[in-house]
Amino acid sequence: KAYNRKAFNKLGDDTKAEVAAILKEMNALLPQEVRDA
């Protein structure tokens, strides 16, 4: 159970970090007038 918890937590942390990086790039792609609106 401890091994599975550690593995799932690592998977979650790695995935969250990559999702955050992708979302940051997605937001950067928005044109400035859209971001301002």
PDB file of all heavy atoms in Angstrom:
ATOM      1  N   LYS A   1       0.834  -1.202   0.000  1.00  0.00           N
ATOM      2  CA  LYS A   1       0.000   0.000   0.000  1.00  0.00           C
ATOM      3  C   LYS A   1       0.869   1.252   0.000  1.00  0.00           C
ATOM      4  O   LYS A   1       0.590   2.208  -0.738  1.00  0.00           O
ATOM      5  CB  LYS A   1      -0.913  -0.008   1.221  1.00  0.00           C
ATOM      6  CG  LYS A   1      -1.902   1.121   1.262  1.00  0.00           C
ATOM      7  CD  LYS A   1      -2.845   0.979   2.450  1.00  0.00           C
ATOM      8  CE  LYS A   1      -3.833   2.120   2.473  1.00  0.00           C
ATOM      9  NZ  LYS A   1      -4.781   1.986   3.584  1.00  0.00           N
ATOM     10  N   ALA A   2       1.939   1.241   0.790  1.00  0.00           N
ATOM     11  CA  ALA A   2       2.844   2.393   0.829  1.00  0.00           C
ATOM     12  C   ALA A   2       3.536   2.583  -0.514  1.00  0.00           C
ATOM     13  O   ALA A   2       3.699   3.717  -0.989  1.00  0.00           O
ATOM     14  CB  ALA A   2       3.872   2.216   1.943  1.00  0.00           C
ATOM     15  N   TYR A   3       3.934   1.485  -1.148  1.00  0.00           N
ATOM     16  CA  TYR A   3       4.582   1.556  -2.460  1.00  0.00           C
ATOM     17  C   TYR A   3       3.624   2.132  -3.505  1.00  0.00           C
ATOM     18  O   TYR A   3       3.990   3.013  -4.284  1.00  0.00           O
ATOM     19  CB  TYR A   3       5.041   0.158  -2.877  1.00  0.00           C
ATOM     20  CG  TYR A   3       5.659   0.111  -4.253  1.00  0.00           C
ATOM     21  CD1 TYR A   3       6.993   0.434  -4.443  1.00  0.00           C
ATOM     22  CD2 TYR A   3       4.902  -0.266  -5.363  1.00  0.00           C
ATOM     23  CE1 TYR A   3       7.563   0.390  -5.707  1.00  0.00           C
ATOM     24  CE2 TYR A   3       5.462  -0.308  -6.627  1.00  0.00           C
ATOM     25  CZ  TYR A   3       6.796   0.017  -6.794  1.00  0.00           C
ATOM     26  OH  TYR A   3       7.347  -0.020  -8.041  1.00  0.00           O
ATOM     27  N   ASN A   4       2.393   1.639  -3.521  1.00  0.00           N
ATOM     28  CA  ASN A   4       1.401   2.131  -4.478  1.00  0.00           C
ATOM     29  C   ASN A   4       1.094   3.604  -4.252  1.00  0.00           C
ATOM     30  O   ASN A   4       0.972   4.376  -5.211  1.00  0.00           O
ATOM     31  CB  ASN A   4       0.118   1.302  -4.390  1.00  0.00           C
ATOM     32  CG  ASN A   4       0.276  -0.066  -4.996  1.00  0.00           C
ATOM     33  OD1 ASN A   4       1.180  -0.307  -5.792  1.00  0.00           O
ATOM     34  ND2 ASN A   4      -0.589  -0.978  -4.611  1.00  0.00           N
ATOM     35  N   ARG A   5       0.974   4.007  -2.991  1.00  0.00           N
ATOM     36  CA  ARG A   5       0.698   5.410  -2.681  1.00  0.00           C
ATOM     37  C   ARG A   5       1.839   6.297  -3.199  1.00  0.00           C
ATOM     38  O   ARG A   5       1.606   7.328  -3.821  1.00  0.00           O
ATOM     39  CB  ARG A   5       0.517   5.605  -1.186  1.00  0.00           C
ATOM     40  CG  ARG A   5       0.222   7.059  -0.822  1.00  0.00           C
ATOM     41  CD  ARG A   5      -0.001   7.266   0.660  1.00  0.00           C
ATOM     42  NE  ARG A   5      -1.271   6.660   1.044  1.00  0.00           N
ATOM     43  CZ  ARG A   5      -1.402   5.702   1.958  1.00  0.00           C
ATOM     44  NH1 ARG A   5      -0.343   5.239   2.582  1.00  0.00           N
ATOM     45  NH2 ARG A   5      -2.583   5.213   2.237  1.00  0.00           N
ATOM     46  N   LYS A   6       3.069   5.869  -2.952  1.00  0.00           N
ATOM     47  CA  LYS A   6       4.227   6.640  -3.395  1.00  0.00           C
ATOM     48  C   LYS A   6       4.271   6.733  -4.923  1.00  0.00           C
ATOM     49  O   LYS A   6       4.531   7.794  -5.484  1.00  0.00           O
ATOM     50  CB  LYS A   6       5.506   5.992  -2.860  1.00  0.00           C
ATOM     51  CG  LYS A   6       6.758   6.747  -3.182  1.00  0.00           C
ATOM     52  CD  LYS A   6       7.975   6.064  -2.568  1.00  0.00           C
ATOM     53  CE  LYS A   6       9.247   6.773  -2.970  1.00  0.00           C
ATOM     54  NZ  LYS A   6      10.438   6.080  -2.467  1.00  0.00           N
ATOM     55  N   ALA A   7       3.993   5.622  -5.610  1.00  0.00           N
ATOM     56  CA  ALA A   7       4.012   5.601  -7.072  1.00  0.00           C
ATOM     57  C   ALA A   7       2.912   6.492  -7.647  1.00  0.00           C
ATOM     58  O   ALA A   7       3.153   7.259  -8.600  1.00  0.00           O
ATOM     59  CB  ALA A   7       3.877   4.170  -7.574  1.00  0.00           C
ATOM     60  N   PHE A   8       1.700   6.408  -7.094  1.00  0.00           N
ATOM     61  CA  PHE A   8       0.607   7.257  -7.583  1.00  0.00           C
ATOM     62  C   PHE A   8       0.888   8.734  -7.304  1.00  0.00           C
ATOM     63  O   PHE A   8       0.586   9.593  -8.137  1.00  0.00           O
ATOM     64  CB  PHE A   8      -0.730   6.847  -6.951  1.00  0.00           C
ATOM     65  CG  PHE A   8      -1.451   5.764  -7.692  1.00  0.00           C
ATOM     66  CD1 PHE A   8      -1.762   4.568  -7.060  1.00  0.00           C
ATOM     67  CD2 PHE A   8      -1.834   5.925  -9.009  1.00  0.00           C
ATOM     68  CE1 PHE A   8      -2.437   3.556  -7.734  1.00  0.00           C
ATOM     69  CE2 PHE A   8      -2.506   4.927  -9.698  1.00  0.00           C
ATOM     70  CZ  PHE A   8      -2.802   3.735  -9.059  1.00  0.00           C
ATOM     71  N   ASN A   9       1.453   9.038  -6.143  1.00  0.00           N
ATOM     72  CA  ASN A   9       1.778  10.434  -5.833  1.00  0.00           C
ATOM     73  C   ASN A   9       2.838  10.979  -6.777  1.00  0.00           C
ATOM     74  O   ASN A   9       2.754  12.124  -7.215  1.00  0.00           O
ATOM     75  CB  ASN A   9       2.235  10.570  -4.379  1.00  0.00           C
ATOM     76  CG  ASN A   9       1.093  10.439  -3.404  1.00  0.00           C
ATOM     77  OD1 ASN A   9      -0.070  10.593  -3.764  1.00  0.00           O
ATOM     78  ND2 ASN A   9       1.403  10.131  -2.155  1.00  0.00           N
ATOM     79  N   LYS A  10       3.840  10.175  -7.102  1.00  0.00           N
ATOM     80  CA  LYS A  10       4.875  10.615  -8.040  1.00  0.00           C
ATOM     81  C   LYS A  10       4.270  10.840  -9.422  1.00  0.00           C
ATOM     82  O   LYS A  10       4.552  11.837 -10.083  1.00  0.00           O
ATOM     83  CB  LYS A  10       6.007   9.603  -8.118  1.00  0.00           C
ATOM     84  CG  LYS A  10       7.125  10.040  -9.055  1.00  0.00           C
ATOM     85  CD  LYS A  10       8.255   9.060  -9.060  1.00  0.00           C
ATOM     86  CE  LYS A  10       9.375   9.387  -9.993  1.00  0.00           C
ATOM     87  NZ  LYS A  10       9.237  10.398 -10.970  1.00  0.00           N
ATOM     88  N   LEU A  11       3.420   9.925  -9.859  1.00  0.00           N
ATOM     89  CA  LEU A  11       2.741  10.082 -11.142  1.00  0.00           C
ATOM     90  C   LEU A  11       1.909  11.361 -11.147  1.00  0.00           C
ATOM     91  O   LEU A  11       1.953  12.134 -12.106  1.00  0.00           O
ATOM     92  CB  LEU A  11       1.846   8.878 -11.424  1.00  0.00           C
ATOM     93  CG  LEU A  11       0.943   8.971 -12.653  1.00  0.00           C
ATOM     94  CD1 LEU A  11       1.771   8.987 -13.924  1.00  0.00           C
ATOM     95  CD2 LEU A  11      -0.040   7.818 -12.675  1.00  0.00           C
ATOM     96  N   GLY A  12       1.180  11.608 -10.063  1.00  0.00           N
ATOM     97  CA  GLY A  12       0.367  12.816  -9.971  1.00  0.00           C
ATOM     98  C   GLY A  12       1.202  14.082  -9.985  1.00  0.00           C
ATOM     99  O   GLY A  12       0.867  15.052 -10.682  1.00  0.00           O
ATOM    100  N   ASP A  13       2.313  14.092  -9.254  1.00  0.00           N
ATOM    101  CA  ASP A  13       3.171  15.276  -9.215  1.00  0.00           C
ATOM    102  C   ASP A  13       3.795  15.558 -10.579  1.00  0.00           C
ATOM    103  O   ASP A  13       3.835  16.703 -11.031  1.00  0.00           O
ATOM    104  CB  ASP A  13       4.267  15.109  -8.165  1.00  0.00           C
ATOM    105  CG  ASP A  13       3.729  15.090  -6.749  1.00  0.00           C
ATOM    106  OD1 ASP A  13       2.569  15.538  -6.544  1.00  0.00           O
ATOM    107  OD2 ASP A  13       4.454  14.620  -5.844  1.00  0.00           O
ATOM    108  N   ASP A  14       4.294  14.505 -11.237  1.00  0.00           N
ATOM    109  CA  ASP A  14       4.892  14.683 -12.561  1.00  0.00           C
ATOM    110  C   ASP A  14       3.862  15.172 -13.575  1.00  0.00           C
ATOM    111  O   ASP A  14       4.136  16.060 -14.388  1.00  0.00           O
ATOM    112  CB  ASP A  14       5.509  13.368 -13.043  1.00  0.00           C
ATOM    113  CG  ASP A  14       6.695  12.926 -12.207  1.00  0.00           C
ATOM    114  OD1 ASP A  14       7.214  13.749 -11.415  1.00  0.00           O
ATOM    115  OD2 ASP A  14       7.105  11.747 -12.329  1.00  0.00           O
ATOM    116  N   THR A  15       2.672  14.591 -13.528  1.00  0.00           N
ATOM    117  CA  THR A  15       1.624  14.975 -14.468  1.00  0.00           C
ATOM    118  C   THR A  15       1.156  16.401 -14.217  1.00  0.00           C
ATOM    119  O   THR A  15       0.973  17.177 -15.160  1.00  0.00           O
ATOM    120  CB  THR A  15       0.437  13.997 -14.371  1.00  0.00           C
ATOM    121  OG1 THR A  15       0.916  12.662 -14.582  1.00  0.00           O
ATOM    122  CG2 THR A  15      -0.617  14.302 -15.404  1.00  0.00           C
ATOM    123  N   LYS A  16       0.993  16.777 -12.946  1.00  0.00           N
ATOM    124  CA  LYS A  16       0.569  18.142 -12.619  1.00  0.00           C
ATOM    125  C   LYS A  16       1.588  19.163 -13.086  1.00  0.00           C
ATOM    126  O   LYS A  16       1.216  20.230 -13.595  1.00  0.00           O
ATOM    127  CB  LYS A  16       0.359  18.285 -11.118  1.00  0.00           C
ATOM    128  CG  LYS A  16      -0.899  17.642 -10.612  1.00  0.00           C
ATOM    129  CD  LYS A  16      -0.991  17.754  -9.099  1.00  0.00           C
ATOM    130  CE  LYS A  16      -2.103  16.899  -8.558  1.00  0.00           C
ATOM    131  NZ  LYS A  16      -2.127  16.874  -7.095  1.00  0.00           N
ATOM    132  N   ALA A  17       2.862  18.848 -12.940  1.00  0.00           N
ATOM    133  CA  ALA A  17       3.907  19.782 -13.373  1.00  0.00           C
ATOM    134  C   ALA A  17       3.857  19.982 -14.884  1.00  0.00           C
ATOM    135  O   ALA A  17       3.973  21.118 -15.371  1.00  0.00           O
ATOM    136  CB  ALA A  17       5.277  19.265 -12.940  1.00  0.00           C
ATOM    137  N   GLU A  18       3.687  18.911 -15.632  1.00  0.00           N
ATOM    138  CA  GLU A  18       3.630  19.021 -17.090  1.00  0.00           C
ATOM    139  C   GLU A  18       2.351  19.727 -17.536  1.00  0.00           C
ATOM    140  O   GLU A  18       2.374  20.538 -18.459  1.00  0.00           O
ATOM    141  CB  GLU A  18       3.728  17.637 -17.732  1.00  0.00           C
ATOM    142  CG  GLU A  18       3.775  17.656 -19.238  1.00  0.00           C
ATOM    143  CD  GLU A  18       5.002  18.320 -19.833  1.00  0.00           C
ATOM    144  OE1 GLU A  18       6.022  18.441 -19.133  1.00  0.00           O
ATOM    145  OE2 GLU A  18       4.926  18.738 -21.002  1.00  0.00           O
ATOM    146  N   VAL A  19       1.230  19.445 -16.867  1.00  0.00           N
ATOM    147  CA  VAL A  19      -0.028  20.134 -17.197  1.00  0.00           C
ATOM    148  C   VAL A  19       0.110  21.632 -16.944  1.00  0.00           C
ATOM    149  O   VAL A  19      -0.323  22.453 -17.758  1.00  0.00           O
ATOM    150  CB  VAL A  19      -1.207  19.532 -16.389  1.00  0.00           C
ATOM    151  CG1 VAL A  19      -2.427  20.432 -16.441  1.00  0.00           C
ATOM    152  CG2 VAL A  19      -1.560  18.150 -16.911  1.00  0.00           C
ATOM    153  N   ALA A  20       0.725  21.993 -15.838  1.00  0.00           N
ATOM    154  CA  ALA A  20       0.914  23.415 -15.530  1.00  0.00           C
ATOM    155  C   ALA A  20       1.774  24.095 -16.588  1.00  0.00           C
ATOM    156  O   ALA A  20       1.492  25.229 -17.007  1.00  0.00           O
ATOM    157  CB  ALA A  20       1.542  23.569 -14.150  1.00  0.00           C
ATOM    158  N   ALA A  21       2.827  23.420 -17.041  1.00  0.00           N
ATOM    159  CA  ALA A  21       3.692  23.995 -18.076  1.00  0.00           C
ATOM    160  C   ALA A  21       2.936  24.161 -19.391  1.00  0.00           C
ATOM    161  O   ALA A  21       3.067  25.196 -20.059  1.00  0.00           O
ATOM    162  CB  ALA A  21       4.916  23.112 -18.277  1.00  0.00           C
ATOM    163  N   ILE A  22       2.131  23.182 -19.751  1.00  0.00           N
ATOM    164  CA  ILE A  22       1.355  23.270 -20.990  1.00  0.00           C
ATOM    165  C   ILE A  22       0.313  24.376 -20.889  1.00  0.00           C
ATOM    166  O   ILE A  22       0.120  25.153 -21.832  1.00  0.00           O
ATOM    167  CB  ILE A  22       0.707  21.907 -21.324  1.00  0.00           C
ATOM    168  CG1 ILE A  22       1.782  20.897 -21.731  1.00  0.00           C
ATOM    169  CG2 ILE A  22      -0.333  22.055 -22.428  1.00  0.00           C
ATOM    170  CD1 ILE A  22       1.272  19.481 -21.897  1.00  0.00           C
ATOM    171  N   LEU A  23      -0.364  24.484 -19.744  1.00  0.00           N
ATOM    172  CA  LEU A  23      -1.364  25.541 -19.577  1.00  0.00           C
ATOM    173  C   LEU A  23      -0.733  26.928 -19.637  1.00  0.00           C
ATOM    174  O   LEU A  23      -1.328  27.861 -20.190  1.00  0.00           O
ATOM    175  CB  LEU A  23      -2.110  25.355 -18.254  1.00  0.00           C
ATOM    176  CG  LEU A  23      -3.095  24.197 -18.207  1.00  0.00           C
ATOM    177  CD1 LEU A  23      -3.687  24.064 -16.815  1.00  0.00           C
ATOM    178  CD2 LEU A  23      -4.184  24.364 -19.242  1.00  0.00           C
ATOM    179  N   LYS A  24       0.464  27.049 -19.103  1.00  0.00           N
ATOM    180  CA  LYS A  24       1.162  28.332 -19.168  1.00  0.00           C
ATOM    181  C   LYS A  24       1.441  28.711 -20.626  1.00  0.00           C
ATOM    182  O   LYS A  24       1.249  29.857 -21.030  1.00  0.00           O
ATOM    183  CB  LYS A  24       2.469  28.240 -18.386  1.00  0.00           C
ATOM    184  CG  LYS A  24       3.136  29.545 -18.141  1.00  0.00           C
ATOM    185  CD  LYS A  24       4.352  29.344 -17.242  1.00  0.00           C
ATOM    186  CE  LYS A  24       4.368  30.437 -16.220  1.00  0.00           C
ATOM    187  NZ  LYS A  24       5.492  30.347 -15.316  1.00  0.00           N
ATOM    188  N   GLU A  25       1.860  27.733 -21.420  1.00  0.00           N
ATOM    189  CA  GLU A  25       2.103  28.002 -22.847  1.00  0.00           C
ATOM    190  C   GLU A  25       0.800  28.274 -23.594  1.00  0.00           C
ATOM    191  O   GLU A  25       0.777  29.096 -24.507  1.00  0.00           O
ATOM    192  CB  GLU A  25       2.842  26.831 -23.476  1.00  0.00           C
ATOM    193  CG  GLU A  25       4.280  26.731 -23.038  1.00  0.00           C
ATOM    194  CD  GLU A  25       5.039  25.655 -23.784  1.00  0.00           C
ATOM    195  OE1 GLU A  25       4.778  25.457 -24.988  1.00  0.00           O
ATOM    196  OE2 GLU A  25       5.895  25.012 -23.146  1.00  0.00           O
ATOM    197  N   MET A  26      -0.278  27.575 -23.212  1.00  0.00           N
ATOM    198  CA  MET A  26      -1.570  27.832 -23.848  1.00  0.00           C
ATOM    199  C   MET A  26      -2.013  29.268 -23.581  1.00  0.00           C
ATOM    200  O   MET A  26      -2.499  29.951 -24.487  1.00  0.00           O
ATOM    201  CB  MET A  26      -2.626  26.852 -23.329  1.00  0.00           C
ATOM    202  CG  MET A  26      -2.505  25.453 -23.870  1.00  0.00           C
ATOM    203  SD  MET A  26      -3.600  24.240 -23.082  1.00  0.00           S
ATOM    204  CE  MET A  26      -5.214  24.911 -23.410  1.00  0.00           C
ATOM    205  N   ASN A  27      -1.847  29.718 -22.349  1.00  0.00           N
ATOM    206  CA  ASN A  27      -2.229  31.088 -22.011  1.00  0.00           C
ATOM    207  C   ASN A  27      -1.361  32.108 -22.732  1.00  0.00           C
ATOM    208  O   ASN A  27      -1.834  33.186 -23.103  1.00  0.00           O
ATOM    209  CB  ASN A  27      -2.161  31.300 -20.499  1.00  0.00           C
ATOM    210  CG  ASN A  27      -3.271  30.586 -19.777  1.00  0.00           C
ATOM    211  OD1 ASN A  27      -4.339  30.355 -20.329  1.00  0.00           O
ATOM    212  ND2 ASN A  27      -3.019  30.216 -18.530  1.00  0.00           N
ATOM    213  N   ALA A  28      -0.100  31.766 -22.944  1.00  0.00           N
ATOM    214  CA  ALA A  28       0.792  32.678 -23.660  1.00  0.00           C
ATOM    215  C   ALA A  28       0.403  32.801 -25.137  1.00  0.00           C
ATOM    216  O   ALA A  28       0.695  33.820 -25.770  1.00  0.00           O
ATOM    217  CB  ALA A  28       2.233  32.211 -23.531  1.00  0.00           C
ATOM    218  N   LEU A  29      -0.246  31.791 -25.675  1.00  0.00           N
ATOM    219  CA  LEU A  29      -0.673  31.844 -27.070  1.00  0.00           C
ATOM    220  C   LEU A  29      -1.866  32.770 -27.300  1.00  0.00           C
ATOM    221  O   LEU A  29      -2.083  33.230 -28.422  1.00  0.00           O
ATOM    222  CB  LEU A  29      -1.052  30.439 -27.557  1.00  0.00           C
ATOM    223  CG  LEU A  29       0.082  29.512 -27.943  1.00  0.00           C
ATOM    224  CD1 LEU A  29      -0.477  28.164 -28.385  1.00  0.00           C
ATOM    225  CD2 LEU A  29       0.936  30.095 -29.036  1.00  0.00           C
ATOM    226  N   LEU A  30      -2.637  33.016 -26.249  1.00  0.00           N
ATOM    227  CA  LEU A  30      -3.798  33.900 -26.413  1.00  0.00           C
ATOM    228  C   LEU A  30      -3.348  35.285 -26.841  1.00  0.00           C
ATOM    229  O   LEU A  30      -2.389  35.829 -26.292  1.00  0.00           O
ATOM    230  CB  LEU A  30      -4.566  34.025 -25.094  1.00  0.00           C
ATOM    231  CG  LEU A  30      -5.564  32.943 -24.763  1.00  0.00           C
ATOM    232  CD1 LEU A  30      -6.097  33.150 -23.354  1.00  0.00           C
ATOM    233  CD2 LEU A  30      -6.695  32.934 -25.749  1.00  0.00           C
ATOM    234  N   PRO A  31      -4.029  35.875 -27.803  1.00  0.00           N
ATOM    235  CA  PRO A  31      -3.704  37.247 -28.182  1.00  0.00           C
ATOM    236  C   PRO A  31      -3.926  38.196 -26.987  1.00  0.00           C
ATOM    237  O   PRO A  31      -4.766  37.952 -26.124  1.00  0.00           O
ATOM    238  CB  PRO A  31      -4.693  37.556 -29.312  1.00  0.00           C
ATOM    239  CG  PRO A  31      -5.102  36.209 -29.826  1.00  0.00           C
ATOM    240  CD  PRO A  31      -5.043  35.290 -28.663  1.00  0.00           C
ATOM    241  N   GLN A  32      -3.179  39.261 -26.937  1.00  0.00           N
ATOM    242  CA  GLN A  32      -3.204  40.181 -25.799  1.00  0.00           C
ATOM    243  C   GLN A  32      -4.586  40.785 -25.574  1.00  0.00           C
ATOM    244  O   GLN A  32      -5.026  40.920 -24.437  1.00  0.00           O
ATOM    245  CB  GLN A  32      -2.165  41.292 -25.986  1.00  0.00           C
ATOM    246  CG  GLN A  32      -2.000  42.195 -24.786  1.00  0.00           C
ATOM    247  CD  GLN A  32      -1.537  41.458 -23.553  1.00  0.00           C
ATOM    248  OE1 GLN A  32      -0.684  40.585 -23.635  1.00  0.00           O
ATOM    249  NE2 GLN A  32      -2.092  41.797 -22.402  1.00  0.00           N
ATOM    250  N   GLU A  33      -5.297  41.119 -26.631  1.00  0.00           N
ATOM    251  CA  GLU A  33      -6.622  41.721 -26.453  1.00  0.00           C
ATOM    252  C   GLU A  33      -7.610  40.740 -25.822  1.00  0.00           C
ATOM    253  O   GLU A  33      -8.485  41.129 -25.063  1.00  0.00           O
ATOM    254  CB  GLU A  33      -7.173  42.288 -27.772  1.00  0.00           C
ATOM    255  CG  GLU A  33      -7.333  41.298 -28.888  1.00  0.00           C
ATOM    256  CD  GLU A  33      -6.080  41.152 -29.772  1.00  0.00           C
ATOM    257  OE1 GLU A  33      -5.072  41.806 -29.488  1.00  0.00           O
ATOM    258  OE2 GLU A  33      -6.147  40.369 -30.715  1.00  0.00           O
ATOM    259  N   VAL A  34      -7.452  39.463 -26.107  1.00  0.00           N
ATOM    260  CA  VAL A  34      -8.308  38.446 -25.498  1.00  0.00           C
ATOM    261  C   VAL A  34      -7.982  38.325 -24.013  1.00  0.00           C
ATOM    262  O   VAL A  34      -8.877  38.247 -23.169  1.00  0.00           O
ATOM    263  CB  VAL A  34      -8.156  37.088 -26.214  1.00  0.00           C
ATOM    264  CG1 VAL A  34      -8.946  36.007 -25.502  1.00  0.00           C
ATOM    265  CG2 VAL A  34      -8.593  37.204 -27.664  1.00  0.00           C
ATOM    266  N   ARG A  35      -6.690  38.308 -23.683  1.00  0.00           N
ATOM    267  CA  ARG A  35      -6.278  38.245 -22.271  1.00  0.00           C
ATOM    268  C   ARG A  35      -6.803  39.447 -21.496  1.00  0.00           C
ATOM    269  O   ARG A  35      -7.262  39.324 -20.372  1.00  0.00           O
ATOM    270  CB  ARG A  35      -4.769  38.158 -22.146  1.00  0.00           C
ATOM    271  CG  ARG A  35      -4.260  36.761 -22.415  1.00  0.00           C
ATOM    272  CD  ARG A  35      -2.807  36.665 -22.072  1.00  0.00           C
ATOM    273  NE  ARG A  35      -2.091  36.768 -23.338  1.00  0.00           N
ATOM    274  CZ  ARG A  35      -0.823  37.035 -23.465  1.00  0.00           C
ATOM    275  NH1 ARG A  35      -0.094  37.275 -22.409  1.00  0.00           N
ATOM    276  NH2 ARG A  35      -0.267  37.074 -24.636  1.00  0.00           N
ATOM    277  N   ASP A  36      -6.725  40.624 -22.125  1.00  0.00           N
ATOM    278  CA  ASP A  36      -7.226  41.832 -21.454  1.00  0.00           C
ATOM    279  C   ASP A  36      -8.737  41.759 -21.241  1.00  0.00           C
ATOM    280  O   ASP A  36      -9.247  42.159 -20.200  1.00  0.00           O
ATOM    281  CB  ASP A  36      -6.871  43.071 -22.298  1.00  0.00           C
ATOM    282  CG  ASP A  36      -5.379  43.329 -22.335  1.00  0.00           C
ATOM    283  OD1 ASP A  36      -4.666  42.836 -21.435  1.00  0.00           O
ATOM    284  OD2 ASP A  36      -4.939  44.041 -23.259  1.00  0.00           O
ATOM    285  N   ALA A  37      -9.464  41.223 -22.222  1.00  0.00           N
ATOM    286  CA  ALA A  37     -10.914  41.100 -22.099  1.00  0.00           C
ATOM    287  C   ALA A  37     -11.283  40.113 -20.999  1.00  0.00           C
ATOM    288  O   ALA A  37     -12.225  40.342 -20.237  1.00  0.00           O
ATOM    289  CB  ALA A  37     -11.512  40.654 -23.431  1.00  0.00           C
TER     290      ALA A  37
END
